[in-house]
Amino acid sequence: MKFIFIFAILLVAVYAIIFILPSHVENLALVPAKAFAEPWRFVTYPFTHLDLGHLLKNIASLVLASALFFELKTRTSTFSYTYLLAGFFAVLPLWFALQFTALGASVAVYSSFGLIALETKKYKINSFFILALFMIASFIEVFVFQNSSVAFIQALSHFSGLFFGAGSFYAFEKIHSLQEQKKSFLLRETIEK
């Protein structure tokens, strides 16, 4: 479980290092006009942040998500795979459809919140209520505190992260179930010999 915090610390270090690079946004963000000519942008955009406030907000959210995963006793692999895969892929369908500049870790953070919402089922907590709270939090953050022209795209991006995280929960549950069935089958087979 402590590896969850190690993973978070490594991410914070990567975010900070990229943030201090000169022209990091111009060179690493996923910009429609440059993305296919500079394909590294498909890998670097979740690690670059627009400004210090954006960076600090995502770091604080990552720390919160890590603490919640620690308390929920979530596997580090489940958290890290969901976070990284969402960071790279959850926003891409929107990006291809709407052609906007994508950057930052908020989609990955919100995927963690989607995963957390369903992880609470272990403790008989209504996961859809928790998911709705995270959706409301995203709505408030984007439309009340930011009040910008890109708020709608940000809200859609956050929601795509939430749903990616929720979908990851079901995918990992299925994988773990199949692994347990295989272990059980192999154990029975060994005992019968």
Foldseek 3Di string as FASTA:
>chain_A
DVVLVVVLVVLLVLLVVLAPDPPSLVLQWCAPVCCVVNVNNLQRQASYADDPVLSVVQSVLSVVLSVLCVVLVPDSVLLVVLLRCQSRPLCVVVCVVPRDTGHYRLLSSLLSQLLSLVSCVVVVDNSVVSLVVSLVVLCCVLCVVPVDPCSVSSSVSSVSSNVSSNVSNVVVVVVVVVVVVVVVVVVVVVVVD
